[in-house]
C-alpha atoms as a PDB file:
ATOM      1  CA  MET A   1      -6.967  -9.827 -15.347  1.00  0.00           C
ATOM      2  CA  LYS A   2      -9.162  -8.852 -18.280  1.00  0.00           C
ATOM      3  CA  LEU A   3     -12.039 -10.537 -16.452  1.00  0.00           C
ATOM      4  CA  ALA A   4     -11.643  -8.129 -13.537  1.00  0.00           C
ATOM      5  CA  LEU A   5     -11.550  -5.138 -15.861  1.00  0.00           C
ATOM      6  CA  ASN A   6     -14.601  -6.342 -17.766  1.00  0.00           C
ATOM      7  CA  ILE A   7     -16.467  -6.786 -14.500  1.00  0.00           C
ATOM      8  CA  ALA A   8     -15.486  -3.247 -13.491  1.00  0.00           C
ATOM      9  CA  ILE A   9     -16.961  -1.918 -16.698  1.00  0.00           C
ATOM     10  CA  LEU A  10     -20.173  -3.890 -16.124  1.00  0.00           C
ATOM     11  CA  LEU A  11     -20.479  -2.578 -12.573  1.00  0.00           C
ATOM     12  CA  VAL A  12     -20.338   1.071 -13.570  1.00  0.00           C
ATOM     13  CA  ILE A  13     -22.408   3.162 -11.198  1.00  0.00           C
ATOM     14  CA  THR A  14     -23.664   6.515 -12.389  1.00  0.00           C
ATOM     15  CA  THR A  15     -24.065   9.057  -9.628  1.00  0.00           C
ATOM     16  CA  GLN A  16     -26.463  11.907 -10.265  1.00  0.00           C
ATOM     17  CA  VAL A  17     -27.536  14.850  -8.166  1.00  0.00           C
ATOM     18  CA  ALA A  18     -31.314  14.738  -7.811  1.00  0.00           C
ATOM     19  CA  GLY A  19     -33.050  17.461  -9.803  1.00  0.00           C
ATOM     20  CA  ALA A  20     -29.824  19.039 -11.115  1.00  0.00           C
ATOM     21  CA  ASP A  21     -28.625  19.164 -14.709  1.00  0.00           C
ATOM     22  CA  VAL A  22     -24.973  18.525 -13.942  1.00  0.00           C
ATOM     23  CA  ALA A  23     -22.602  16.090 -15.537  1.00  0.00           C
ATOM     24  CA  SER A  24     -21.784  13.123 -13.342  1.00  0.00           C
ATOM     25  CA  TRP A  25     -18.862  10.876 -12.512  1.00  0.00           C
ATOM     26  CA  LYS A  26     -18.952   7.128 -13.031  1.00  0.00           C
ATOM     27  CA  ALA A  27     -17.173   4.542 -10.926  1.00  0.00           C
ATOM     28  CA  GLY A  28     -16.787   0.806 -11.245  1.00  0.00           C
ATOM     29  CA  VAL A  29     -15.134  -1.708  -8.941  1.00  0.00           C
ATOM     30  CA  ALA A  30     -14.292  -5.374  -9.293  1.00  0.00           C
ATOM     31  CA  LYS A  31     -12.093  -8.077  -7.855  1.00  0.00           C
ATOM     32  CA  ALA A  32     -11.063 -11.471  -9.165  1.00  0.00           C
ATOM     33  CA  ASP A  33      -9.366 -14.477  -7.597  1.00  0.00           C
ATOM     34  CA  ILE A  34      -6.026 -14.932  -9.385  1.00  0.00           C
ATOM     35  CA  THR A  35      -4.685 -17.758  -7.228  1.00  0.00           C
ATOM     36  CA  PRO A  36      -2.833 -20.188  -9.523  1.00  0.00           C
ATOM     37  CA  GLU A  37      -4.136 -23.746  -9.532  1.00  0.00           C
ATOM     38  CA  ALA A  38      -0.676 -25.293  -9.751  1.00  0.00           C
ATOM     39  CA  GLY A  39       2.382 -24.476  -7.668  1.00  0.00           C
ATOM     40  CA  MET A  40       4.470 -21.637  -9.073  1.00  0.00           C
ATOM     41  CA  TRP A  41       7.943 -20.312  -8.376  1.00  0.00           C
ATOM     42  CA  MET A  42       7.784 -17.580  -5.750  1.00  0.00           C
ATOM     43  CA  ALA A  43       9.600 -14.266  -6.043  1.00  0.00           C
ATOM     44  CA  GLY A  44      11.911 -13.380  -3.173  1.00  0.00           C
ATOM     45  CA  TYR A  45      12.932 -16.923  -2.337  1.00  0.00           C
ATOM     46  CA  GLY A  46      16.243 -17.250  -4.196  1.00  0.00           C
ATOM     47  CA  SER A  47      17.416 -20.328  -2.322  1.00  0.00           C
ATOM     48  CA  ARG A  48      14.287 -22.398  -3.044  1.00  0.00           C
ATOM     49  CA  ASP A  49      14.800 -25.280  -5.417  1.00  0.00           C
ATOM     50  CA  HIS A  50      11.119 -26.075  -6.065  1.00  0.00           C
ATOM     51  CA  PRO A  51       7.831 -24.248  -6.690  1.00  0.00           C
ATOM     52  CA  ALA A  52       5.237 -23.476  -4.025  1.00  0.00           C
ATOM     53  CA  GLU A  53       3.604 -26.533  -2.492  1.00  0.00           C
ATOM     54  CA  GLY A  54       0.287 -25.099  -1.397  1.00  0.00           C
ATOM     55  CA  THR A  55      -1.815 -22.025  -0.733  1.00  0.00           C
ATOM     56  CA  LEU A  56      -2.253 -20.225   2.577  1.00  0.00           C
ATOM     57  CA  HIS A  57      -4.380 -17.349   1.264  1.00  0.00           C
ATOM     58  CA  LYS A  58      -6.061 -16.619  -2.041  1.00  0.00           C
ATOM     59  CA  LEU A  59      -4.469 -14.005  -4.301  1.00  0.00           C
ATOM     60  CA  TRP A  60      -6.699 -11.199  -5.546  1.00  0.00           C
ATOM     61  CA  ILE A  61      -6.597  -8.463  -8.110  1.00  0.00           C
ATOM     62  CA  ARG A  62      -8.784  -5.428  -7.522  1.00  0.00           C
ATOM     63  CA  VAL A  63      -9.754  -2.741 -10.002  1.00  0.00           C
ATOM     64  CA  LEU A  64     -11.214   0.739  -9.547  1.00  0.00           C
ATOM     65  CA  ALA A  65     -12.283   2.556 -12.712  1.00  0.00           C
ATOM     66  CA  LEU A  66     -13.282   6.226 -12.604  1.00  0.00           C
ATOM     67  CA  GLN A  67     -14.666   8.434 -15.362  1.00  0.00           C
ATOM     68  CA  ASP A  68     -15.119  12.157 -14.834  1.00  0.00           C
ATOM     69  CA  ALA A  69     -17.902  14.282 -16.271  1.00  0.00           C
ATOM     70  CA  THR A  70     -15.829  15.104 -19.372  1.00  0.00           C
ATOM     71  CA  GLY A  71     -15.143  11.442 -20.219  1.00  0.00           C
ATOM     72  CA  HIS A  72     -11.559  11.120 -18.951  1.00  0.00           C
ATOM     73  CA  VAL A  73     -10.944   7.656 -17.533  1.00  0.00           C
ATOM     74  CA  GLY A  74      -8.550   6.497 -14.832  1.00  0.00           C
ATOM     75  CA  VAL A  75      -7.989   2.929 -13.675  1.00  0.00           C
ATOM     76  CA  VAL A  76      -6.290   1.789 -10.476  1.00  0.00           C
ATOM     77  CA  VAL A  77      -5.186  -1.853 -10.320  1.00  0.00           C
ATOM     78  CA  SER A  78      -4.130  -3.481  -7.056  1.00  0.00           C
ATOM     79  CA  SER A  79      -2.626  -6.956  -7.128  1.00  0.00           C
ATOM     80  CA  ASP A  80      -1.554  -9.410  -4.427  1.00  0.00           C
ATOM     81  CA  THR A  81       1.493 -10.278  -6.517  1.00  0.00           C
ATOM     82  CA  LEU A  82       5.016  -8.912  -6.313  1.00  0.00           C
ATOM     83  CA  GLY A  83       4.867  -7.579  -9.852  1.00  0.00           C
ATOM     84  CA  ILE A  84       2.919  -7.482 -13.067  1.00  0.00           C
ATOM     85  CA  SER A  85       4.461  -8.826 -16.242  1.00  0.00           C
ATOM     86  CA  GLN A  86       5.018  -6.519 -19.199  1.00  0.00           C
ATOM     87  CA  THR A  87       2.465  -8.492 -21.223  1.00  0.00           C
ATOM     88  CA  ILE A  88      -0.263  -7.846 -18.657  1.00  0.00           C
ATOM     89  CA  TYR A  89       0.785  -4.212 -18.227  1.00  0.00           C
ATOM     90  CA  LEU A  90       0.648  -3.582 -21.974  1.00  0.00           C
ATOM     91  CA  SER A  91      -2.796  -5.183 -22.185  1.00  0.00           C
ATOM     92  CA  LEU A  92      -4.005  -2.814 -19.435  1.00  0.00           C
ATOM     93  CA  ILE A  93      -2.842   0.397 -21.069  1.00  0.00           C
ATOM     94  CA  HIS A  94      -4.678  -0.434 -24.309  1.00  0.00           C
ATOM     95  CA  ILE A  95      -8.117  -0.837 -22.753  1.00  0.00           C
END
Protein backbone atom coordinates (compact mmCIF):
# COMPACT_ATOMS: atom_id res chain seq x y z
CA MET A 1 0.00 0.00 0.00
CA LYS A 2 2.77 2.43 0.87
CA LEU A 3 4.29 1.64 -2.52
CA ALA A 4 1.16 2.93 -4.26
CA LEU A 5 1.16 6.10 -2.18
CA ASN A 6 4.85 6.69 -2.83
CA ILE A 7 4.27 6.26 -6.55
CA ALA A 8 1.41 8.77 -6.36
CA ILE A 9 3.72 11.29 -4.78
CA LEU A 10 6.35 10.68 -7.48
CA LEU A 11 3.78 11.12 -10.24
CA VAL A 12 2.64 14.54 -9.08
CA ILE A 13 1.59 16.64 -12.03
CA THR A 14 1.61 20.40 -11.66
CA THR A 15 -0.97 22.15 -13.78
CA GLN A 16 -0.32 25.78 -14.61
CA VAL A 17 -2.24 28.32 -16.64
CA ALA A 18 0.05 29.63 -19.37
CA GLY A 19 1.15 33.20 -18.76
CA ALA A 20 -0.86 33.64 -15.53
CA ASP A 21 0.50 34.13 -12.03
CA VAL A 22 -2.04 31.94 -10.29
CA ALA A 23 -1.50 29.22 -7.76
CA SER A 24 -2.03 25.74 -9.14
CA TRP A 25 -3.41 22.39 -8.07
CA LYS A 26 -1.33 19.23 -8.06
CA ALA A 27 -2.60 15.73 -8.72
CA GLY A 28 -0.96 12.34 -8.55
CA VAL A 29 -2.30 8.91 -9.44
CA ALA A 30 -0.97 5.41 -8.94
CA LYS A 31 -2.04 1.80 -8.84
CA ALA A 32 -0.37 -1.31 -7.47
CA ASP A 33 -1.07 -5.02 -7.82
CA ILE A 34 -1.93 -6.32 -4.34
CA THR A 35 -2.84 -9.87 -5.34
CA PRO A 36 -1.54 -12.21 -2.61
CA GLU A 37 0.93 -14.85 -3.76
CA ALA A 38 -0.48 -17.54 -1.48
CA GLY A 39 -4.11 -18.52 -1.00
CA MET A 40 -5.89 -16.50 1.67
CA TRP A 41 -9.17 -16.86 3.51
CA MET A 42 -11.91 -15.00 1.66
CA ALA A 43 -14.42 -12.71 3.35
CA GLY A 44 -18.07 -13.53 2.77
CA TYR A 45 -17.64 -17.27 2.49
CA GLY A 46 -18.50 -18.43 6.02
CA SER A 47 -19.01 -22.07 5.10
CA ARG A 48 -15.60 -22.50 3.43
CA ASP A 49 -13.17 -24.69 5.30
CA HIS A 50 -10.03 -23.78 3.33
CA PRO A 51 -8.34 -20.71 1.82
CA ALA A 52 -8.64 -19.63 -1.81
CA GLU A 53 -7.13 -22.06 -4.29
CA GLY A 54 -6.30 -19.74 -7.15
CA THR A 55 -6.73 -16.34 -8.75
CA LEU A 56 -9.29 -15.36 -11.38
CA HIS A 57 -8.41 -11.65 -11.52
CA LYS A 58 -5.63 -9.55 -10.05
CA LEU A 59 -6.47 -7.33 -7.08
CA TRP A 60 -5.54 -3.66 -7.35
CA ILE A 61 -5.28 -0.66 -5.11
CA ARG A 62 -5.60 2.76 -6.71
CA VAL A 63 -4.67 6.11 -5.23
CA LEU A 64 -5.58 9.67 -6.22
CA ALA A 65 -3.78 12.46 -4.36
CA LEU A 66 -4.86 16.08 -4.78
CA GLN A 67 -3.28 19.25 -3.40
CA ASP A 68 -5.00 22.60 -3.77
CA ALA A 69 -3.28 25.93 -4.31
CA THR A 70 -3.11 26.58 -0.55
CA GLY A 71 -1.37 23.26 0.22
CA HIS A 72 -4.33 21.25 1.56
CA VAL A 73 -4.02 17.60 0.59
CA GLY A 74 -6.70 14.98 0.01
CA VAL A 75 -6.15 11.32 -0.81
CA VAL A 76 -8.69 8.87 -2.23
CA VAL A 77 -7.85 5.17 -1.94
CA SER A 78 -9.79 2.53 -3.86
CA SER A 79 -9.14 -1.13 -3.13
CA ASP A 80 -10.37 -4.38 -4.69
CA THR A 81 -10.68 -5.85 -1.21
CA LEU A 82 -13.71 -6.09 1.05
CA GLY A 83 -12.05 -4.00 3.74
CA ILE A 84 -8.87 -2.38 4.91
CA SER A 85 -7.32 -3.42 8.19
CA GLN A 86 -6.92 -0.89 10.98
CA THR A 87 -3.14 -1.15 10.68
CA ILE A 88 -3.23 -0.11 7.03
CA TYR A 89 -5.82 2.60 7.70
CA LEU A 90 -3.73 4.10 10.50
CA SER A 91 -0.64 4.10 8.28
CA LEU A 92 -2.61 6.02 5.62
CA ILE A 93 -3.82 8.80 7.89
CA HIS A 94 -0.27 9.56 9.07
CA ILE A 95 1.19 10.19 5.63
